[in-house]
Amino acid sequence: LGQAGGSLRLSCTSSVRTFSNYVMGWFRRAPGKERELVAAIG
């Protein structure tokens, strides 16, 4: 839970051994809406 104007941080840890070889993305799905991209990193 956060407040408008505030900050939060999400973390995602992978079990893969060669993590540096993987593209990573963050998506989100709001109630009643389709999933959408938030950000991605090569």
PDB file of all heavy atoms in Angstrom:
ATOM      1  N   LEU A   1       0.830  -1.196   0.000  1.00  0.00           N
ATOM      2  CA  LEU A   1       0.000   0.000   0.000  1.00  0.00           C
ATOM      3  C   LEU A   1       0.864   1.244   0.000  1.00  0.00           C
ATOM      4  O   LEU A   1       1.774   1.374   0.823  1.00  0.00           O
ATOM      5  CB  LEU A   1      -0.900   0.000   1.230  1.00  0.00           C
ATOM      6  CG  LEU A   1      -1.850   1.186   1.386  1.00  0.00           C
ATOM      7  CD1 LEU A   1      -2.829   1.241   0.225  1.00  0.00           C
ATOM      8  CD2 LEU A   1      -2.579   1.093   2.722  1.00  0.00           C
ATOM      9  N   GLY A   2       0.576   2.158  -0.914  1.00  0.00           N
ATOM     10  CA  GLY A   2       1.288   3.419  -0.986  1.00  0.00           C
ATOM     11  C   GLY A   2       0.315   4.574  -1.107  1.00  0.00           C
ATOM     12  O   GLY A   2      -0.882   4.369  -1.348  1.00  0.00           O
ATOM     13  N   GLN A   3       0.829   5.761  -0.936  1.00  0.00           N
ATOM     14  CA  GLN A   3       0.005   6.963  -1.062  1.00  0.00           C
ATOM     15  C   GLN A   3       0.344   7.708  -2.335  1.00  0.00           C
ATOM     16  O   GLN A   3       1.476   7.623  -2.832  1.00  0.00           O
ATOM     17  CB  GLN A   3       0.223   7.873   0.139  1.00  0.00           C
ATOM     18  CG  GLN A   3      -0.331   7.310   1.439  1.00  0.00           C
ATOM     19  CD  GLN A   3      -0.245   8.311   2.572  1.00  0.00           C
ATOM     20  OE1 GLN A   3       0.642   9.151   2.586  1.00  0.00           O
ATOM     21  NE2 GLN A   3      -1.168   8.228   3.515  1.00  0.00           N
ATOM     22  N   ALA A   4      -0.625   8.413  -2.854  1.00  0.00           N
ATOM     23  CA  ALA A   4      -0.372   9.231  -4.037  1.00  0.00           C
ATOM     24  C   ALA A   4       0.778  10.183  -3.755  1.00  0.00           C
ATOM     25  O   ALA A   4       0.816  10.830  -2.696  1.00  0.00           O
ATOM     26  CB  ALA A   4      -1.629  10.006  -4.410  1.00  0.00           C
ATOM     27  N   GLY A   5       1.711  10.235  -4.699  1.00  0.00           N
ATOM     28  CA  GLY A   5       2.895  11.058  -4.525  1.00  0.00           C
ATOM     29  C   GLY A   5       4.039  10.354  -3.822  1.00  0.00           C
ATOM     30  O   GLY A   5       5.156  10.877  -3.777  1.00  0.00           O
ATOM     31  N   GLY A   6       3.776   9.202  -3.295  1.00  0.00           N
ATOM     32  CA  GLY A   6       4.792   8.448  -2.583  1.00  0.00           C
ATOM     33  C   GLY A   6       5.557   7.494  -3.476  1.00  0.00           C
ATOM     34  O   GLY A   6       5.445   7.549  -4.707  1.00  0.00           O
ATOM     35  N   SER A   7       6.317   6.611  -2.846  1.00  0.00           N
ATOM     36  CA  SER A   7       7.182   5.677  -3.582  1.00  0.00           C
ATOM     37  C   SER A   7       7.038   4.264  -3.029  1.00  0.00           C
ATOM     38  O   SER A   7       6.774   4.066  -1.842  1.00  0.00           O
ATOM     39  CB  SER A   7       8.644   6.115  -3.463  1.00  0.00           C
ATOM     40  OG  SER A   7       8.857   7.391  -4.014  1.00  0.00           O
ATOM     41  N   LEU A   8       7.231   3.324  -3.925  1.00  0.00           N
ATOM     42  CA  LEU A   8       7.327   1.917  -3.572  1.00  0.00           C
ATOM     43  C   LEU A   8       8.368   1.277  -4.471  1.00  0.00           C
ATOM     44  O   LEU A   8       8.648   1.796  -5.562  1.00  0.00           O
ATOM     45  CB  LEU A   8       5.983   1.203  -3.756  1.00  0.00           C
ATOM     46  CG  LEU A   8       4.856   1.521  -2.773  1.00  0.00           C
ATOM     47  CD1 LEU A   8       3.557   0.877  -3.260  1.00  0.00           C
ATOM     48  CD2 LEU A   8       5.203   1.033  -1.382  1.00  0.00           C
ATOM     49  N   ARG A   9       8.901   0.145  -4.045  1.00  0.00           N
ATOM     50  CA  ARG A   9       9.840  -0.585  -4.892  1.00  0.00           C
ATOM     51  C   ARG A   9       9.463  -2.052  -4.941  1.00  0.00           C
ATOM     52  O   ARG A   9       9.208  -2.673  -3.911  1.00  0.00           O
ATOM     53  CB  ARG A   9      11.278  -0.446  -4.394  1.00  0.00           C
ATOM     54  CG  ARG A   9      12.290  -1.020  -5.376  1.00  0.00           C
ATOM     55  CD  ARG A   9      13.726  -0.794  -4.974  1.00  0.00           C
ATOM     56  NE  ARG A   9      14.179  -1.766  -3.987  1.00  0.00           N
ATOM     57  CZ  ARG A   9      15.457  -2.045  -3.767  1.00  0.00           C
ATOM     58  NH1 ARG A   9      16.394  -1.433  -4.468  1.00  0.00           N
ATOM     59  NH2 ARG A   9      15.801  -2.927  -2.839  1.00  0.00           N
ATOM     60  N   LEU A  10       9.454  -2.568  -6.141  1.00  0.00           N
ATOM     61  CA  LEU A  10       9.251  -3.990  -6.371  1.00  0.00           C
ATOM     62  C   LEU A  10      10.582  -4.644  -6.716  1.00  0.00           C
ATOM     63  O   LEU A  10      11.419  -4.039  -7.397  1.00  0.00           O
ATOM     64  CB  LEU A  10       8.270  -4.224  -7.511  1.00  0.00           C
ATOM     65  CG  LEU A  10       6.814  -3.826  -7.264  1.00  0.00           C
ATOM     66  CD1 LEU A  10       6.033  -3.898  -8.571  1.00  0.00           C
ATOM     67  CD2 LEU A  10       6.196  -4.718  -6.224  1.00  0.00           C
ATOM     68  N   SER A  11      10.743  -5.870  -6.259  1.00  0.00           N
ATOM     69  CA  SER A  11      11.906  -6.670  -6.604  1.00  0.00           C
ATOM     70  C   SER A  11      11.436  -7.988  -7.179  1.00  0.00           C
ATOM     71  O   SER A  11      10.377  -8.498  -6.808  1.00  0.00           O
ATOM     72  CB  SER A  11      12.767  -6.947  -5.364  1.00  0.00           C
ATOM     73  OG  SER A  11      13.204  -5.751  -4.771  1.00  0.00           O
ATOM     74  N   CYS A  12      12.224  -8.520  -8.073  1.00  0.00           N
ATOM     75  CA  CYS A  12      11.925  -9.825  -8.668  1.00  0.00           C
ATOM     76  C   CYS A  12      13.231 -10.596  -8.746  1.00  0.00           C
ATOM     77  O   CYS A  12      14.159 -10.171  -9.426  1.00  0.00           O
ATOM     78  CB  CYS A  12      11.310  -9.655 -10.043  1.00  0.00           C
ATOM     79  SG  CYS A  12      11.109 -11.202 -10.961  1.00  0.00           S
ATOM     80  N   THR A  13      13.271 -11.712  -8.074  1.00  0.00           N
ATOM     81  CA  THR A  13      14.469 -12.548  -8.056  1.00  0.00           C
ATOM     82  C   THR A  13      14.231 -13.801  -8.870  1.00  0.00           C
ATOM     83  O   THR A  13      13.200 -14.468  -8.729  1.00  0.00           O
ATOM     84  CB  THR A  13      14.844 -12.914  -6.619  1.00  0.00           C
ATOM     85  OG1 THR A  13      15.091 -11.708  -5.884  1.00  0.00           O
ATOM     86  CG2 THR A  13      16.111 -13.765  -6.596  1.00  0.00           C
ATOM     87  N   SER A  14      15.193 -14.116  -9.719  1.00  0.00           N
ATOM     88  CA  SER A  14      15.099 -15.260 -10.621  1.00  0.00           C
ATOM     89  C   SER A  14      15.941 -16.422 -10.115  1.00  0.00           C
ATOM     90  O   SER A  14      16.994 -16.215  -9.514  1.00  0.00           O
ATOM     91  CB  SER A  14      15.573 -14.850 -12.013  1.00  0.00           C
ATOM     92  OG  SER A  14      15.674 -15.968 -12.860  1.00  0.00           O
ATOM     93  N   SER A  15      15.469 -17.635 -10.423  1.00  0.00           N
ATOM     94  CA  SER A  15      16.205 -18.829 -10.009  1.00  0.00           C
ATOM     95  C   SER A  15      17.231 -19.274 -11.049  1.00  0.00           C
ATOM     96  O   SER A  15      18.002 -20.192 -10.809  1.00  0.00           O
ATOM     97  CB  SER A  15      15.224 -19.983  -9.748  1.00  0.00           C
ATOM     98  OG  SER A  15      14.561 -20.346 -10.943  1.00  0.00           O
ATOM     99  N   VAL A  16      17.223 -18.614 -12.208  1.00  0.00           N
ATOM    100  CA  VAL A  16      18.102 -19.039 -13.294  1.00  0.00           C
ATOM    101  C   VAL A  16      19.554 -18.761 -12.934  1.00  0.00           C
ATOM    102  O   VAL A  16      19.862 -17.793 -12.224  1.00  0.00           O
ATOM    103  CB  VAL A  16      17.714 -18.335 -14.604  1.00  0.00           C
ATOM    104  CG1 VAL A  16      18.082 -16.867 -14.566  1.00  0.00           C
ATOM    105  CG2 VAL A  16      18.348 -19.007 -15.798  1.00  0.00           C
ATOM    106  N   ARG A  17      20.481 -19.600 -13.436  1.00  0.00           N
ATOM    107  CA  ARG A  17      21.893 -19.421 -13.092  1.00  0.00           C
ATOM    108  C   ARG A  17      22.548 -18.295 -13.876  1.00  0.00           C
ATOM    109  O   ARG A  17      23.432 -17.600 -13.376  1.00  0.00           O
ATOM    110  CB  ARG A  17      22.646 -20.728 -13.330  1.00  0.00           C
ATOM    111  CG  ARG A  17      22.319 -21.814 -12.315  1.00  0.00           C
ATOM    112  CD  ARG A  17      23.297 -22.964 -12.415  1.00  0.00           C
ATOM    113  NE  ARG A  17      23.277 -23.591 -13.730  1.00  0.00           N
ATOM    114  CZ  ARG A  17      24.125 -24.536 -14.102  1.00  0.00           C
ATOM    115  NH1 ARG A  17      25.048 -24.956 -13.278  1.00  0.00           N
ATOM    116  NH2 ARG A  17      24.040 -25.067 -15.303  1.00  0.00           N
ATOM    117  N   THR A  18      22.123 -18.147 -15.130  1.00  0.00           N
ATOM    118  CA  THR A  18      22.750 -17.139 -15.997  1.00  0.00           C
ATOM    119  C   THR A  18      21.812 -15.957 -16.177  1.00  0.00           C
ATOM    120  O   THR A  18      21.385 -15.632 -17.292  1.00  0.00           O
ATOM    121  CB  THR A  18      23.094 -17.764 -17.358  1.00  0.00           C
ATOM    122  OG1 THR A  18      21.888 -18.333 -17.916  1.00  0.00           O
ATOM    123  CG2 THR A  18      24.149 -18.823 -17.213  1.00  0.00           C
ATOM    124  N   PHE A  19      21.489 -15.306 -15.084  1.00  0.00           N
ATOM    125  CA  PHE A  19      20.496 -14.228 -15.090  1.00  0.00           C
ATOM    126  C   PHE A  19      20.851 -13.125 -16.064  1.00  0.00           C
ATOM    127  O   PHE A  19      19.973 -12.525 -16.679  1.00  0.00           O
ATOM    128  CB  PHE A  19      20.376 -13.668 -13.675  1.00  0.00           C
ATOM    129  CG  PHE A  19      19.390 -12.552 -13.546  1.00  0.00           C
ATOM    130  CD1 PHE A  19      18.033 -12.807 -13.575  1.00  0.00           C
ATOM    131  CD2 PHE A  19      19.813 -11.230 -13.385  1.00  0.00           C
ATOM    132  CE1 PHE A  19      17.107 -11.779 -13.445  1.00  0.00           C
ATOM    133  CE2 PHE A  19      18.899 -10.199 -13.263  1.00  0.00           C
ATOM    134  CZ  PHE A  19      17.550 -10.474 -13.284  1.00  0.00           C
ATOM    135  N   SER A  20      22.127 -12.866 -16.248  1.00  0.00           N
ATOM    136  CA  SER A  20      22.548 -11.770 -17.120  1.00  0.00           C
ATOM    137  C   SER A  20      22.156 -11.999 -18.568  1.00  0.00           C
ATOM    138  O   SER A  20      22.153 -11.070 -19.374  1.00  0.00           O
ATOM    139  CB  SER A  20      24.061 -11.558 -17.021  1.00  0.00           C
ATOM    140  OG  SER A  20      24.750 -12.727 -17.430  1.00  0.00           O
ATOM    141  N   ASN A  21      21.812 -13.234 -18.932  1.00  0.00           N
ATOM    142  CA  ASN A  21      21.405 -13.557 -20.301  1.00  0.00           C
ATOM    143  C   ASN A  21      19.916 -13.371 -20.545  1.00  0.00           C
ATOM    144  O   ASN A  21      19.429 -13.685 -21.623  1.00  0.00           O
ATOM    145  CB  ASN A  21      21.768 -15.001 -20.643  1.00  0.00           C
ATOM    146  CG  ASN A  21      23.263 -15.201 -20.783  1.00  0.00           C
ATOM    147  OD1 ASN A  21      24.009 -14.241 -20.975  1.00  0.00           O
ATOM    148  ND2 ASN A  21      23.710 -16.438 -20.702  1.00  0.00           N
ATOM    149  N   TYR A  22      19.208 -12.872 -19.553  1.00  0.00           N
ATOM    150  CA  TYR A  22      17.751 -12.818 -19.651  1.00  0.00           C
ATOM    151  C   TYR A  22      17.232 -11.396 -19.733  1.00  0.00           C
ATOM    152  O   TYR A  22      17.643 -10.513 -18.987  1.00  0.00           O
ATOM    153  CB  TYR A  22      17.103 -13.533 -18.467  1.00  0.00           C
ATOM    154  CG  TYR A  22      17.139 -15.033 -18.617  1.00  0.00           C
ATOM    155  CD1 TYR A  22      18.324 -15.735 -18.438  1.00  0.00           C
ATOM    156  CD2 TYR A  22      16.002 -15.737 -18.979  1.00  0.00           C
ATOM    157  CE1 TYR A  22      18.371 -17.099 -18.618  1.00  0.00           C
ATOM    158  CE2 TYR A  22      16.030 -17.113 -19.145  1.00  0.00           C
ATOM    159  CZ  TYR A  22      17.223 -17.785 -18.962  1.00  0.00           C
ATOM    160  OH  TYR A  22      17.258 -19.140 -19.142  1.00  0.00           O
ATOM    161  N   VAL A  23      16.304 -11.204 -20.659  1.00  0.00           N
ATOM    162  CA  VAL A  23      15.522  -9.980 -20.723  1.00  0.00           C
ATOM    163  C   VAL A  23      14.492 -10.025 -19.600  1.00  0.00           C
ATOM    164  O   VAL A  23      13.892 -11.069 -19.336  1.00  0.00           O
ATOM    165  CB  VAL A  23      14.797  -9.889 -22.087  1.00  0.00           C
ATOM    166  CG1 VAL A  23      13.808  -8.741 -22.102  1.00  0.00           C
ATOM    167  CG2 VAL A  23      15.794  -9.791 -23.208  1.00  0.00           C
ATOM    168  N   MET A  24      14.261  -8.898 -18.959  1.00  0.00           N
ATOM    169  CA  MET A  24      13.306  -8.839 -17.855  1.00  0.00           C
ATOM    170  C   MET A  24      12.271  -7.751 -18.112  1.00  0.00           C
ATOM    171  O   MET A  24      12.592  -6.683 -18.632  1.00  0.00           O
ATOM    172  CB  MET A  24      14.023  -8.550 -16.543  1.00  0.00           C
ATOM    173  CG  MET A  24      15.107  -9.544 -16.181  1.00  0.00           C
ATOM    174  SD  MET A  24      14.494 -11.237 -15.955  1.00  0.00           S
ATOM    175  CE  MET A  24      13.387 -11.027 -14.552  1.00  0.00           C
ATOM    176  N   GLY A  25      11.054  -8.027 -17.722  1.00  0.00           N
ATOM    177  CA  GLY A  25       9.996  -7.045 -17.893  1.00  0.00           C
ATOM    178  C   GLY A  25       9.083  -6.980 -16.686  1.00  0.00           C
ATOM    179  O   GLY A  25       8.997  -7.933 -15.913  1.00  0.00           O
ATOM    180  N   TRP A  26       8.458  -5.840 -16.511  1.00  0.00           N
ATOM    181  CA  TRP A  26       7.396  -5.660 -15.527  1.00  0.00           C
ATOM    182  C   TRP A  26       6.108  -5.319 -16.267  1.00  0.00           C
ATOM    183  O   TRP A  26       6.089  -4.418 -17.106  1.00  0.00           O
ATOM    184  CB  TRP A  26       7.729  -4.528 -14.554  1.00  0.00           C
ATOM    185  CG  TRP A  26       8.765  -4.858 -13.531  1.00  0.00           C
ATOM    186  CD1 TRP A  26      10.086  -4.496 -13.550  1.00  0.00           C
ATOM    187  CD2 TRP A  26       8.573  -5.599 -12.319  1.00  0.00           C
ATOM    188  NE1 TRP A  26      10.722  -4.977 -12.432  1.00  0.00           N
ATOM    189  CE2 TRP A  26       9.819  -5.654 -11.654  1.00  0.00           C
ATOM    190  CE3 TRP A  26       7.485  -6.221 -11.731  1.00  0.00           C
ATOM    191  CZ2 TRP A  26       9.997  -6.313 -10.442  1.00  0.00           C
ATOM    192  CZ3 TRP A  26       7.655  -6.870 -10.527  1.00  0.00           C
ATOM    193  CH2 TRP A  26       8.895  -6.915  -9.885  1.00  0.00           C
ATOM    194  N   PHE A  27       5.066  -6.047 -15.943  1.00  0.00           N
ATOM    195  CA  PHE A  27       3.741  -5.793 -16.491  1.00  0.00           C
ATOM    196  C   PHE A  27       2.782  -5.563 -15.333  1.00  0.00           C
ATOM    197  O   PHE A  27       3.105  -5.860 -14.181  1.00  0.00           O
ATOM    198  CB  PHE A  27       3.273  -6.986 -17.325  1.00  0.00           C
ATOM    199  CG  PHE A  27       3.993  -7.139 -18.629  1.00  0.00           C
ATOM    200  CD1 PHE A  27       5.301  -7.627 -18.676  1.00  0.00           C
ATOM    201  CD2 PHE A  27       3.388  -6.795 -19.823  1.00  0.00           C
ATOM    202  CE1 PHE A  27       5.978  -7.759 -19.882  1.00  0.00           C
ATOM    203  CE2 PHE A  27       4.052  -6.936 -21.037  1.00  0.00           C
ATOM    204  CZ  PHE A  27       5.347  -7.419 -21.066  1.00  0.00           C
ATOM    205  N   ARG A  28       1.610  -5.060 -15.627  1.00  0.00           N
ATOM    206  CA  ARG A  28       0.605  -4.903 -14.585  1.00  0.00           C
ATOM    207  C   ARG A  28      -0.782  -5.127 -15.160  1.00  0.00           C
ATOM    208  O   ARG A  28      -1.023  -4.940 -16.352  1.00  0.00           O
ATOM    209  CB  ARG A  28       0.686  -3.523 -13.928  1.00  0.00           C
ATOM    210  CG  ARG A  28       0.306  -2.348 -14.827  1.00  0.00           C
ATOM    211  CD  ARG A  28       0.581  -1.031 -14.113  1.00  0.00           C
ATOM    212  NE  ARG A  28       0.211   0.115 -14.936  1.00  0.00           N
ATOM    213  CZ  ARG A  28       0.465   1.376 -14.610  1.00  0.00           C
ATOM    214  NH1 ARG A  28       1.103   1.667 -13.471  1.00  0.00           N
ATOM    215  NH2 ARG A  28       0.088   2.367 -15.401  1.00  0.00           N
ATOM    216  N   ARG A  29      -1.683  -5.524 -14.275  1.00  0.00           N
ATOM    217  CA  ARG A  29      -3.088  -5.697 -14.644  1.00  0.00           C
ATOM    218  C   ARG A  29      -3.940  -5.035 -13.583  1.00  0.00           C
ATOM    219  O   ARG A  29      -3.941  -5.481 -12.428  1.00  0.00           O
ATOM    220  CB  ARG A  29      -3.465  -7.161 -14.803  1.00  0.00           C
ATOM    221  CG  ARG A  29      -4.942  -7.361 -15.115  1.00  0.00           C
ATOM    222  CD  ARG A  29      -5.247  -8.805 -15.423  1.00  0.00           C
ATOM    223  NE  ARG A  29      -4.805  -9.151 -16.752  1.00  0.00           N
ATOM    224  CZ  ARG A  29      -4.457 -10.382 -17.126  1.00  0.00           C
ATOM    225  NH1 ARG A  29      -4.483 -11.364 -16.257  1.00  0.00           N
ATOM    226  NH2 ARG A  29      -4.084 -10.613 -18.354  1.00  0.00           N
ATOM    227  N   ALA A  30      -4.625  -3.984 -13.987  1.00  0.00           N
ATOM    228  CA  ALA A  30      -5.541  -3.296 -13.085  1.00  0.00           C
ATOM    229  C   ALA A  30      -6.915  -3.948 -13.165  1.00  0.00           C
ATOM    230  O   ALA A  30      -7.235  -4.588 -14.174  1.00  0.00           O
ATOM    231  CB  ALA A  30      -5.630  -1.821 -13.466  1.00  0.00           C
ATOM    232  N   PRO A  31      -7.718  -3.803 -12.145  1.00  0.00           N
ATOM    233  CA  PRO A  31      -9.064  -4.398 -12.164  1.00  0.00           C
ATOM    234  C   PRO A  31      -9.858  -3.961 -13.390  1.00  0.00           C
ATOM    235  O   PRO A  31      -9.962  -2.769 -13.694  1.00  0.00           O
ATOM    236  CB  PRO A  31      -9.697  -3.858 -10.876  1.00  0.00           C
ATOM    237  CG  PRO A  31      -8.551  -3.596  -9.971  1.00  0.00           C
ATOM    238  CD  PRO A  31      -7.445  -3.117 -10.868  1.00  0.00           C
ATOM    239  N   GLY A  32     -10.387  -4.939 -14.116  1.00  0.00           N
ATOM    240  CA  GLY A  32     -11.197  -4.644 -15.282  1.00  0.00           C
ATOM    241  C   GLY A  32     -10.434  -4.235 -16.516  1.00  0.00           C
ATOM    242  O   GLY A  32     -11.033  -3.863 -17.528  1.00  0.00           O
ATOM    243  N   LYS A  33      -9.115  -4.300 -16.444  1.00  0.00           N
ATOM    244  CA  LYS A  33      -8.302  -3.883 -17.586  1.00  0.00           C
ATOM    245  C   LYS A  33      -7.403  -5.023 -18.043  1.00  0.00           C
ATOM    246  O   LYS A  33      -7.176  -5.990 -17.323  1.00  0.00           O
ATOM    247  CB  LYS A  33      -7.454  -2.661 -17.221  1.00  0.00           C
ATOM    248  CG  LYS A  33      -8.267  -1.408 -16.917  1.00  0.00           C
ATOM    249  CD  LYS A  33      -7.360  -0.219 -16.693  1.00  0.00           C
ATOM    250  CE  LYS A  33      -8.170   1.044 -16.428  1.00  0.00           C
ATOM    251  NZ  LYS A  33      -7.288   2.223 -16.206  1.00  0.00           N
ATOM    252  N   GLU A  34      -6.868  -4.881 -19.233  1.00  0.00           N
ATOM    253  CA  GLU A  34      -5.953  -5.881 -19.751  1.00  0.00           C
ATOM    254  C   GLU A  34      -4.546  -5.658 -19.193  1.00  0.00           C
ATOM    255  O   GLU A  34      -4.189  -4.550 -18.770  1.00  0.00           O
ATOM    256  CB  GLU A  34      -5.923  -5.819 -21.284  1.00  0.00           C
ATOM    257  CG  GLU A  34      -7.241  -6.216 -21.938  1.00  0.00           C
ATOM    258  CD  GLU A  34      -7.126  -6.290 -23.446  1.00  0.00           C
ATOM    259  OE1 GLU A  34      -6.071  -5.910 -23.982  1.00  0.00           O
ATOM    260  OE2 GLU A  34      -8.100  -6.728 -24.088  1.00  0.00           O
ATOM    261  N   ARG A  35      -3.771  -6.713 -19.240  1.00  0.00           N
ATOM    262  CA  ARG A  35      -2.382  -6.610 -18.813  1.00  0.00           C
ATOM    263  C   ARG A  35      -1.616  -5.658 -19.746  1.00  0.00           C
ATOM    264  O   ARG A  35      -1.818  -5.675 -20.961  1.00  0.00           O
ATOM    265  CB  ARG A  35      -1.731  -7.985 -18.848  1.00  0.00           C
ATOM    266  CG  ARG A  35      -0.308  -8.026 -18.312  1.00  0.00           C
ATOM    267  CD  ARG A  35       0.234  -9.436 -18.415  1.00  0.00           C
ATOM    268  NE  ARG A  35       0.327  -9.882 -19.804  1.00  0.00           N
ATOM    269  CZ  ARG A  35       0.507 -11.139 -20.177  1.00  0.00           C
ATOM    270  NH1 ARG A  35       0.612 -12.078 -19.246  1.00  0.00           N
ATOM    271  NH2 ARG A  35       0.590 -11.452 -21.449  1.00  0.00           N
ATOM    272  N   GLU A  36      -0.744  -4.860 -19.170  1.00  0.00           N
ATOM    273  CA  GLU A  36       0.018  -3.909 -19.972  1.00  0.00           C
ATOM    274  C   GLU A  36       1.459  -3.866 -19.497  1.00  0.00           C
ATOM    275  O   GLU A  36       1.768  -4.111 -18.333  1.00  0.00           O
ATOM    276  CB  GLU A  36      -0.587  -2.505 -19.870  1.00  0.00           C
ATOM    277  CG  GLU A  36      -0.554  -1.911 -18.483  1.00  0.00           C
ATOM    278  CD  GLU A  36      -1.060  -0.473 -18.444  1.00  0.00           C
ATOM    279  OE1 GLU A  36      -1.410   0.084 -19.505  1.00  0.00           O
ATOM    280  OE2 GLU A  36      -1.102   0.098 -17.335  1.00  0.00           O
ATOM    281  N   LEU A  37       2.332  -3.516 -20.433  1.00  0.00           N
ATOM    282  CA  LEU A  37       3.736  -3.341 -20.090  1.00  0.00           C
ATOM    283  C   LEU A  37       3.908  -2.143 -19.192  1.00  0.00           C
ATOM    284  O   LEU A  37       3.277  -1.104 -19.390  1.00  0.00           O
ATOM    285  CB  LEU A  37       4.566  -3.107 -21.356  1.00  0.00           C
ATOM    286  CG  LEU A  37       6.016  -2.669 -21.086  1.00  0.00           C
ATOM    287  CD1 LEU A  37       6.877  -3.874 -20.782  1.00  0.00           C
ATOM    288  CD2 LEU A  37       6.557  -1.841 -22.223  1.00  0.00           C
ATOM    289  N   VAL A  38       4.774  -2.270 -18.216  1.00  0.00           N
ATOM    290  CA  VAL A  38       5.206  -1.131 -17.407  1.00  0.00           C
ATOM    291  C   VAL A  38       6.618  -0.726 -17.822  1.00  0.00           C
ATOM    292  O   VAL A  38       6.866   0.430 -18.148  1.00  0.00           O
ATOM    293  CB  VAL A  38       5.174  -1.475 -15.908  1.00  0.00           C
ATOM    294  CG1 VAL A  38       5.691  -0.301 -15.084  1.00  0.00           C
ATOM    295  CG2 VAL A  38       3.764  -1.881 -15.482  1.00  0.00           C
ATOM    296  N   ALA A  39       7.534  -1.688 -17.812  1.00  0.00           N
ATOM    297  CA  ALA A  39       8.920  -1.401 -18.157  1.00  0.00           C
ATOM    298  C   ALA A  39       9.621  -2.701 -18.519  1.00  0.00           C
ATOM    299  O   ALA A  39       9.208  -3.779 -18.093  1.00  0.00           O
ATOM    300  CB  ALA A  39       9.648  -0.718 -17.002  1.00  0.00           C
ATOM    301  N   ALA A  40      10.686  -2.590 -19.294  1.00  0.00           N
ATOM    302  CA  ALA A  40      11.478  -3.750 -19.670  1.00  0.00           C
ATOM    303  C   ALA A  40      12.946  -3.348 -19.746  1.00  0.00           C
ATOM    304  O   ALA A  40      13.268  -2.180 -20.005  1.00  0.00           O
ATOM    305  CB  ALA A  40      11.004  -4.325 -21.003  1.00  0.00           C
ATOM    306  N   ILE A  41      13.805  -4.311 -19.518  1.00  0.00           N
ATOM    307  CA  ILE A  41      15.236  -4.057 -19.574  1.00  0.00           C
ATOM    308  C   ILE A  41      15.909  -5.188 -20.320  1.00  0.00           C
ATOM    309  O   ILE A  41      15.613  -6.368 -20.110  1.00  0.00           O
ATOM    310  CB  ILE A  41      15.820  -3.889 -18.155  1.00  0.00           C
ATOM    311  CG1 ILE A  41      17.281  -3.442 -18.215  1.00  0.00           C
ATOM    312  CG2 ILE A  41      15.652  -5.150 -17.324  1.00  0.00           C
ATOM    313  CD1 ILE A  41      17.801  -2.912 -16.883  1.00  0.00           C
ATOM    314  N   GLY A  42      16.803  -4.842 -21.224  1.00  0.00           N
ATOM    315  CA  GLY A  42      17.457  -5.826 -22.054  1.00  0.00           C
ATOM    316  C   GLY A  42      18.537  -6.590 -21.313  1.00  0.00           C
ATOM    317  O   GLY A  42      18.891  -6.282 -20.178  1.00  0.00           O
TER     318      GLY A  42
END
